[in-house]
């Protein structure tokens, strides 16, 4: 379990919308095989870092709110995790060989979570 000296971080898993669109157009059998392989790798990664991961959730349909109103929009965020680590550098090191990075043009961003 997380120690009291550990800090919380948000990991954003990003994939460009154009890459996701191309992936969804991939042959379903090819896509299923690749997704099954990656899910196994994800499960192994999660098991290896289970004491640091507080939650991982998928992003859904996105709305943009501004002074001009509300509209549907898209962004590159597909998942997020809340994790604990001793430092941002330690958090980043956890993700250096993450299976998500096998996806073309994908990235993972790690942000410190601070109280308001």
Protein backbone atom coordinates (compact mmCIF):
# COMPACT_ATOMS: atom_id res chain seq x y z
CA UNK A 1 0.00 0.00 0.00
CA UNK A 2 1.10 3.56 -0.60
CA UNK A 3 3.34 5.07 2.03
CA UNK A 4 2.57 8.48 3.53
CA UNK A 5 5.67 10.00 1.89
CA UNK A 6 4.58 8.99 -1.58
CA UNK A 7 3.02 11.52 -3.91
CA UNK A 8 0.12 11.04 -6.31
CA UNK A 9 0.47 11.37 -10.09
CA UNK A 10 -1.86 11.17 -13.05
CA UNK A 11 -0.69 9.20 -16.07
CA UNK A 12 -2.45 10.15 -19.31
CA UNK A 13 -2.30 7.59 -22.10
CA UNK A 14 -2.55 9.38 -25.44
CA UNK A 15 -3.07 8.19 -29.00
CA UNK A 16 -3.72 10.63 -31.87
CA UNK A 17 -7.35 10.44 -33.01
CA UNK A 18 -6.21 9.73 -36.59
CA UNK A 19 -4.23 6.70 -35.37
CA UNK A 20 -7.28 5.43 -33.46
CA UNK A 21 -9.46 5.90 -36.55
CA UNK A 22 -7.00 3.93 -38.68
CA UNK A 23 -6.83 1.21 -36.03
CA UNK A 24 -10.62 0.87 -35.94
CA UNK A 25 -10.56 0.41 -39.73
CA UNK A 26 -8.08 -2.50 -39.39
CA UNK A 27 -9.28 -6.01 -40.23
CA UNK A 28 -11.21 -7.20 -37.13
CA UNK A 29 -9.29 -10.50 -36.86
CA UNK A 30 -5.92 -8.72 -37.02
CA UNK A 31 -7.10 -6.12 -34.50
CA UNK A 32 -8.39 -8.77 -32.06
CA UNK A 33 -5.09 -10.68 -32.15
CA UNK A 34 -3.05 -7.53 -31.53
CA UNK A 35 -5.40 -6.38 -28.77
CA UNK A 36 -5.23 -9.78 -27.04
CA UNK A 37 -1.41 -9.71 -27.13
CA UNK A 38 -1.27 -6.17 -25.76
CA UNK A 39 -3.82 -6.91 -23.01
CA UNK A 40 -1.59 -9.75 -21.79
CA UNK A 41 1.37 -7.37 -21.70
CA UNK A 42 -0.73 -4.75 -19.89
CA UNK A 43 -1.80 -7.31 -17.29
CA UNK A 44 1.84 -8.22 -16.69
CA UNK A 45 2.78 -4.55 -16.36
CA UNK A 46 -0.09 -3.90 -13.94
CA UNK A 47 0.89 -6.93 -11.83
CA UNK A 48 4.49 -5.69 -11.65
CA UNK A 49 3.34 -2.23 -10.48
CA UNK A 50 0.19 -3.12 -8.55
CA UNK A 51 1.28 -1.44 -5.32
CA UNK A 52 1.69 1.89 -7.15
CA UNK A 53 -1.52 1.92 -9.19
CA UNK A 54 -4.55 3.36 -7.41
CA UNK A 55 -6.86 3.22 -10.45
CA UNK A 56 -6.91 3.02 -14.24
CA UNK A 57 -9.96 4.14 -16.21
CA UNK A 58 -10.87 4.49 -19.88
CA UNK A 59 -11.77 7.90 -21.25
CA UNK A 60 -15.13 8.22 -22.97
CA UNK A 61 -17.04 10.64 -25.13
CA UNK A 62 -15.70 14.18 -24.66
CA UNK A 63 -17.54 17.50 -24.33
CA UNK A 64 -15.87 20.88 -24.48
CA UNK A 65 -17.24 23.67 -22.30
CA UNK A 66 -16.31 27.30 -22.91
CA UNK A 67 -17.90 30.72 -22.48
CA UNK A 68 -19.31 30.17 -26.00
CA UNK A 69 -21.17 27.02 -24.99
CA UNK A 70 -20.87 23.25 -25.01
CA UNK A 71 -19.81 21.10 -27.95
CA UNK A 72 -18.71 17.58 -28.77
CA UNK A 73 -14.97 17.26 -29.27
CA UNK A 74 -12.15 14.72 -29.49
CA UNK A 75 -8.75 14.62 -27.90
CA UNK A 76 -5.91 12.12 -27.74
CA UNK A 77 -6.62 10.85 -24.19
CA UNK A 78 -7.73 7.20 -24.19
CA UNK A 79 -6.99 6.17 -20.58
CA UNK A 80 -5.72 7.58 -17.34
CA UNK A 81 -4.20 6.12 -14.20
CA UNK A 82 -3.75 7.54 -10.73
CA UNK A 83 -0.50 6.25 -9.27
CA UNK A 84 1.72 6.81 -6.27
CA UNK A 85 5.49 7.15 -6.31
CA UNK A 86 8.24 8.78 -4.28
CA UNK A 87 8.89 11.35 -7.03
CA UNK A 88 7.84 12.29 -10.55
CA UNK A 89 11.07 10.75 -11.83
CA UNK A 90 10.21 7.45 -10.12
CA UNK A 91 6.71 7.60 -11.61
CA UNK A 92 8.11 8.22 -15.09
CA UNK A 93 10.53 5.29 -14.77
CA UNK A 94 7.58 2.95 -14.16
CA UNK A 95 6.25 3.77 -17.64
CA UNK A 96 9.48 3.68 -19.70
CA UNK A 97 8.69 0.32 -21.35
CA UNK A 98 4.91 0.37 -21.01
CA UNK A 99 2.98 -1.72 -23.61
CA UNK A 100 0.96 1.37 -24.61
CA UNK A 101 4.09 2.77 -26.25
CA UNK A 102 3.94 0.01 -28.90
CA UNK A 103 1.07 1.91 -30.51
CA UNK A 104 2.32 4.23 -33.27
CA UNK A 105 2.62 7.88 -32.16
CA UNK A 106 1.37 7.05 -28.65
CA UNK A 107 2.66 8.82 -25.56
CA UNK A 108 2.19 8.74 -21.81
CA UNK A 109 2.25 11.98 -19.83
CA UNK A 110 2.87 11.97 -16.07
CA UNK A 111 1.57 14.91 -14.06
CA UNK A 112 1.89 15.59 -10.35
CA UNK A 113 -1.45 15.80 -8.52
CA UNK A 114 -1.44 18.63 -6.02
CA UNK A 115 -4.06 19.69 -3.51
CA UNK A 116 -5.90 22.87 -4.43
